[in-house]
Amino acid sequence: MEYTIISVIAMTVCLYYSLIVMKLHSKRLVLISRISIFFQLIFDNYMTSLGLWIFDFSKTLGITVPIIPLENLFFGLALTIATVVSWEIVTKKKA
């Protein structure tokens, strides 16, 4: 459950900050999320199948997509959103 807690906290903070504080358009976040999840599914499952990434499934919900934990998708998505928000902050300060 440790991965789950960390992933939920990361997603909550990133979504709050991007939608409430930065007021990013939700359509933009949906598009970014779809692209992120698509590439995560390919890359993360491939790396896991090679044995380069190993997950302790006793610390997850036990739901896999196909072989990676669901929490990994949430965490990766949170990182993607955090990157977009960071970019928006940097570019707004320059303007």
N, C-alpha and C. Protein backbone atom coordinates (compact mmCIF):
# COMPACT_ATOMS: atom_id res chain seq x y z
N MET A 1 0.80 -1.20 0.00
CA MET A 1 0.00 0.00 0.00
C MET A 1 0.85 1.28 0.00
N GLU A 2 2.15 1.15 0.25
CA GLU A 2 2.99 2.34 0.27
C GLU A 2 3.02 3.02 -1.09
N TYR A 3 3.15 2.25 -2.17
CA TYR A 3 3.15 2.82 -3.51
C TYR A 3 1.82 3.51 -3.79
N THR A 4 0.75 2.91 -3.33
CA THR A 4 -0.59 3.46 -3.56
C THR A 4 -0.73 4.82 -2.89
N ILE A 5 -0.31 4.91 -1.65
CA ILE A 5 -0.42 6.17 -0.90
C ILE A 5 0.40 7.27 -1.57
N ILE A 6 1.62 6.96 -1.94
CA ILE A 6 2.49 7.93 -2.58
C ILE A 6 1.89 8.39 -3.91
N SER A 7 1.38 7.45 -4.69
CA SER A 7 0.80 7.78 -6.00
C SER A 7 -0.44 8.64 -5.87
N VAL A 8 -1.30 8.32 -4.92
CA VAL A 8 -2.52 9.11 -4.73
C VAL A 8 -2.18 10.52 -4.26
N ILE A 9 -1.24 10.66 -3.36
CA ILE A 9 -0.82 11.98 -2.90
C ILE A 9 -0.23 12.78 -4.06
N ALA A 10 0.64 12.16 -4.84
CA ALA A 10 1.26 12.85 -5.97
C ALA A 10 0.22 13.30 -6.98
N MET A 11 -0.73 12.43 -7.33
CA MET A 11 -1.78 12.80 -8.29
C MET A 11 -2.65 13.93 -7.75
N THR A 12 -3.02 13.84 -6.48
CA THR A 12 -3.87 14.87 -5.88
C THR A 12 -3.20 16.23 -5.90
N VAL A 13 -1.95 16.28 -5.48
CA VAL A 13 -1.22 17.54 -5.46
C VAL A 13 -1.07 18.11 -6.87
N CYS A 14 -0.70 17.27 -7.83
CA CYS A 14 -0.50 17.74 -9.20
C CYS A 14 -1.80 18.21 -9.83
N LEU A 15 -2.88 17.48 -9.64
CA LEU A 15 -4.16 17.89 -10.21
C LEU A 15 -4.66 19.17 -9.56
N TYR A 16 -4.55 19.26 -8.25
CA TYR A 16 -4.97 20.48 -7.55
C TYR A 16 -4.19 21.68 -8.07
N TYR A 17 -2.89 21.54 -8.11
CA TYR A 17 -2.06 22.67 -8.51
C TYR A 17 -2.31 23.05 -9.97
N SER A 18 -2.45 22.05 -10.85
CA SER A 18 -2.63 22.36 -12.27
C SER A 18 -4.00 22.94 -12.57
N LEU A 19 -5.06 22.42 -11.94
CA LEU A 19 -6.41 22.88 -12.25
C LEU A 19 -6.84 24.09 -11.43
N ILE A 20 -6.50 24.13 -10.14
CA ILE A 20 -6.96 25.20 -9.26
C ILE A 20 -5.99 26.38 -9.24
N VAL A 21 -4.73 26.10 -9.02
CA VAL A 21 -3.75 27.18 -8.87
C VAL A 21 -3.34 27.75 -10.23
N MET A 22 -2.93 26.87 -11.16
CA MET A 22 -2.46 27.34 -12.46
C MET A 22 -3.59 27.55 -13.46
N LYS A 23 -4.75 26.99 -13.17
CA LYS A 23 -5.94 27.12 -14.04
C LYS A 23 -5.68 26.64 -15.47
N LEU A 24 -4.98 25.49 -15.58
CA LEU A 24 -4.76 24.90 -16.90
C LEU A 24 -6.07 24.32 -17.41
N HIS A 25 -6.24 24.29 -18.71
CA HIS A 25 -7.46 23.75 -19.29
C HIS A 25 -7.50 22.23 -19.12
N SER A 26 -8.65 21.72 -18.69
CA SER A 26 -8.78 20.29 -18.46
C SER A 26 -8.63 19.49 -19.75
N LYS A 27 -9.05 20.05 -20.91
CA LYS A 27 -8.89 19.36 -22.19
C LYS A 27 -7.41 19.13 -22.49
N ARG A 28 -6.60 20.11 -22.15
CA ARG A 28 -5.16 19.98 -22.37
C ARG A 28 -4.57 18.89 -21.48
N LEU A 29 -5.02 18.84 -20.23
CA LEU A 29 -4.53 17.80 -19.32
C LEU A 29 -4.97 16.41 -19.76
N VAL A 30 -6.18 16.30 -20.30
CA VAL A 30 -6.66 15.00 -20.78
C VAL A 30 -5.80 14.52 -21.94
N LEU A 31 -5.48 15.41 -22.87
CA LEU A 31 -4.64 15.04 -24.00
C LEU A 31 -3.25 14.61 -23.53
N ILE A 32 -2.67 15.40 -22.65
CA ILE A 32 -1.34 15.07 -22.11
C ILE A 32 -1.39 13.74 -21.37
N SER A 33 -2.46 13.50 -20.62
CA SER A 33 -2.61 12.26 -19.87
C SER A 33 -2.70 11.05 -20.79
N ARG A 34 -3.45 11.17 -21.87
CA ARG A 34 -3.56 10.06 -22.82
C ARG A 34 -2.22 9.71 -23.44
N ILE A 35 -1.49 10.73 -23.84
CA ILE A 35 -0.18 10.50 -24.45
C ILE A 35 0.76 9.86 -23.44
N SER A 36 0.76 10.38 -22.22
CA SER A 36 1.63 9.85 -21.17
C SER A 36 1.31 8.38 -20.87
N ILE A 37 0.05 8.07 -20.71
CA ILE A 37 -0.34 6.69 -20.39
C ILE A 37 0.01 5.74 -21.53
N PHE A 38 -0.20 6.18 -22.77
CA PHE A 38 0.13 5.35 -23.93
C PHE A 38 1.61 4.94 -23.90
N PHE A 39 2.49 5.93 -23.73
CA PHE A 39 3.92 5.63 -23.74
C PHE A 39 4.35 4.88 -22.48
N GLN A 40 3.72 5.15 -21.36
CA GLN A 40 4.04 4.41 -20.14
C GLN A 40 3.69 2.94 -20.29
N LEU A 41 2.55 2.66 -20.87
CA LEU A 41 2.14 1.27 -21.06
C LEU A 41 3.15 0.51 -21.91
N ILE A 42 3.65 1.15 -22.93
CA ILE A 42 4.64 0.48 -23.80
C ILE A 42 5.97 0.37 -23.07
N PHE A 43 6.52 1.49 -22.64
CA PHE A 43 7.87 1.53 -22.09
C PHE A 43 7.98 0.80 -20.76
N ASP A 44 7.09 1.09 -19.82
CA ASP A 44 7.19 0.49 -18.49
C ASP A 44 6.98 -1.01 -18.51
N ASN A 45 6.03 -1.48 -19.32
CA ASN A 45 5.82 -2.92 -19.42
C ASN A 45 7.01 -3.60 -20.07
N TYR A 46 7.61 -2.96 -21.06
CA TYR A 46 8.78 -3.52 -21.72
C TYR A 46 9.95 -3.63 -20.74
N MET A 47 10.22 -2.55 -20.02
CA MET A 47 11.33 -2.57 -19.06
C MET A 47 11.10 -3.58 -17.94
N THR A 48 9.85 -3.71 -17.52
CA THR A 48 9.54 -4.69 -16.48
C THR A 48 9.69 -6.11 -17.01
N SER A 49 9.26 -6.34 -18.25
CA SER A 49 9.38 -7.69 -18.83
C SER A 49 10.84 -8.10 -19.00
N LEU A 50 11.73 -7.13 -19.21
CA LEU A 50 13.15 -7.43 -19.31
C LEU A 50 13.80 -7.67 -17.94
N GLY A 51 13.06 -7.34 -16.88
CA GLY A 51 13.61 -7.50 -15.54
C GLY A 51 14.43 -6.30 -15.08
N LEU A 52 14.41 -5.21 -15.86
CA LEU A 52 15.16 -4.03 -15.47
C LEU A 52 14.48 -3.27 -14.33
N TRP A 53 13.16 -3.36 -14.28
CA TRP A 53 12.40 -2.76 -13.19
C TRP A 53 11.69 -3.87 -12.45
N ILE A 54 11.75 -3.79 -11.13
CA ILE A 54 11.11 -4.80 -10.28
C ILE A 54 10.23 -4.06 -9.27
N PHE A 55 9.03 -4.57 -9.07
CA PHE A 55 8.10 -3.96 -8.13
C PHE A 55 7.83 -4.91 -6.98
N ASP A 56 7.73 -4.38 -5.79
CA ASP A 56 7.35 -5.16 -4.62
C ASP A 56 5.83 -5.13 -4.53
N PHE A 57 5.20 -6.18 -5.03
CA PHE A 57 3.74 -6.20 -5.12
C PHE A 57 3.05 -6.29 -3.76
N SER A 58 3.81 -6.52 -2.70
CA SER A 58 3.20 -6.50 -1.36
C SER A 58 2.90 -5.06 -0.93
N LYS A 59 3.47 -4.08 -1.67
CA LYS A 59 3.26 -2.67 -1.34
C LYS A 59 2.33 -1.98 -2.34
N THR A 60 1.61 -2.77 -3.13
CA THR A 60 0.68 -2.22 -4.11
C THR A 60 -0.71 -2.81 -3.88
N LEU A 61 -1.66 -2.33 -4.68
CA LEU A 61 -3.02 -2.88 -4.60
C LEU A 61 -3.10 -4.28 -5.20
N GLY A 62 -2.13 -4.63 -6.03
CA GLY A 62 -2.14 -5.93 -6.68
C GLY A 62 -2.79 -5.91 -8.05
N ILE A 63 -3.21 -4.72 -8.50
CA ILE A 63 -3.81 -4.58 -9.82
C ILE A 63 -2.69 -4.26 -10.81
N THR A 64 -2.57 -5.06 -11.86
CA THR A 64 -1.52 -4.83 -12.84
C THR A 64 -2.12 -4.47 -14.20
N VAL A 65 -1.34 -3.69 -14.96
CA VAL A 65 -1.77 -3.25 -16.28
C VAL A 65 -0.62 -3.45 -17.24
N PRO A 66 -0.56 -4.35 -18.09
CA PRO A 66 -0.66 -5.79 -17.98
C PRO A 66 0.27 -6.38 -16.92
N ILE A 67 1.54 -5.87 -16.83
CA ILE A 67 2.41 -6.46 -15.79
C ILE A 67 2.94 -5.43 -14.79
N ILE A 68 2.67 -4.16 -15.03
CA ILE A 68 3.12 -3.14 -14.08
C ILE A 68 1.99 -2.79 -13.12
N PRO A 69 2.31 -2.38 -11.91
CA PRO A 69 1.26 -2.01 -10.96
C PRO A 69 0.51 -0.76 -11.43
N LEU A 70 -0.76 -0.71 -11.13
CA LEU A 70 -1.59 0.44 -11.48
C LEU A 70 -1.01 1.73 -10.91
N GLU A 71 -0.45 1.64 -9.73
CA GLU A 71 0.14 2.82 -9.07
C GLU A 71 1.25 3.44 -9.92
N ASN A 72 1.96 2.61 -10.68
CA ASN A 72 3.03 3.12 -11.53
C ASN A 72 2.47 4.06 -12.59
N LEU A 73 1.30 3.75 -13.13
CA LEU A 73 0.66 4.63 -14.10
C LEU A 73 0.28 5.96 -13.46
N PHE A 74 -0.28 5.91 -12.25
CA PHE A 74 -0.67 7.13 -11.55
C PHE A 74 0.54 8.00 -11.26
N PHE A 75 1.61 7.37 -10.80
CA PHE A 75 2.80 8.14 -10.45
C PHE A 75 3.42 8.76 -11.69
N GLY A 76 3.50 8.00 -12.78
CA GLY A 76 4.04 8.53 -14.02
C GLY A 76 3.21 9.68 -14.56
N LEU A 77 1.90 9.55 -14.43
CA LEU A 77 1.00 10.60 -14.87
C LEU A 77 1.19 11.86 -14.02
N ALA A 78 1.37 11.68 -12.72
CA ALA A 78 1.63 12.82 -11.84
C ALA A 78 2.92 13.52 -12.23
N LEU A 79 3.94 12.76 -12.58
CA LEU A 79 5.21 13.37 -13.02
C LEU A 79 5.02 14.16 -14.31
N THR A 80 4.23 13.63 -15.21
CA THR A 80 3.96 14.33 -16.47
C THR A 80 3.24 15.65 -16.21
N ILE A 81 2.22 15.62 -15.37
CA ILE A 81 1.47 16.83 -15.05
C ILE A 81 2.37 17.84 -14.32
N ALA A 82 3.20 17.34 -13.42
CA ALA A 82 4.13 18.23 -12.71
C ALA A 82 5.10 18.90 -13.67
N THR A 83 5.52 18.19 -14.69
CA THR A 83 6.42 18.76 -15.70
C THR A 83 5.73 19.87 -16.47
N VAL A 84 4.48 19.64 -16.87
CA VAL A 84 3.72 20.66 -17.61
C VAL A 84 3.50 21.89 -16.74
N VAL A 85 3.13 21.68 -15.49
CA VAL A 85 2.92 22.81 -14.57
C VAL A 85 4.22 23.58 -14.37
N SER A 86 5.32 22.88 -14.21
CA SER A 86 6.62 23.54 -14.04
C SER A 86 6.96 24.37 -15.28
N TRP A 87 6.68 23.82 -16.45
CA TRP A 87 6.94 24.55 -17.69
C TRP A 87 6.10 25.83 -17.75
N GLU A 88 4.84 25.71 -17.36
CA GLU A 88 3.95 26.88 -17.35
C GLU A 88 4.47 27.95 -16.39
N ILE A 89 4.93 27.53 -15.23
CA ILE A 89 5.47 28.49 -14.26
C ILE A 89 6.68 29.22 -14.83
N VAL A 90 7.60 28.47 -15.41
CA VAL A 90 8.83 29.05 -15.95
C VAL A 90 8.52 30.00 -17.10
N THR A 91 7.64 29.59 -18.01
CA THR A 91 7.36 30.44 -19.17
C THR A 91 6.55 31.68 -18.79
N LYS A 92 5.71 31.59 -17.75
CA LYS A 92 4.95 32.76 -17.31
C LYS A 92 5.84 33.78 -16.63
N LYS A 93 6.87 33.31 -15.94
CA LYS A 93 7.80 34.23 -15.28
C LYS A 93 8.65 34.99 -16.30
N LYS A 94 8.92 34.37 -17.44
CA LYS A 94 9.72 35.02 -18.48
C LYS A 94 8.91 36.08 -19.23
N ALA A 95 7.59 35.89 -19.26
CA ALA A 95 6.75 36.81 -20.04
C ALA A 95 6.52 38.13 -19.36
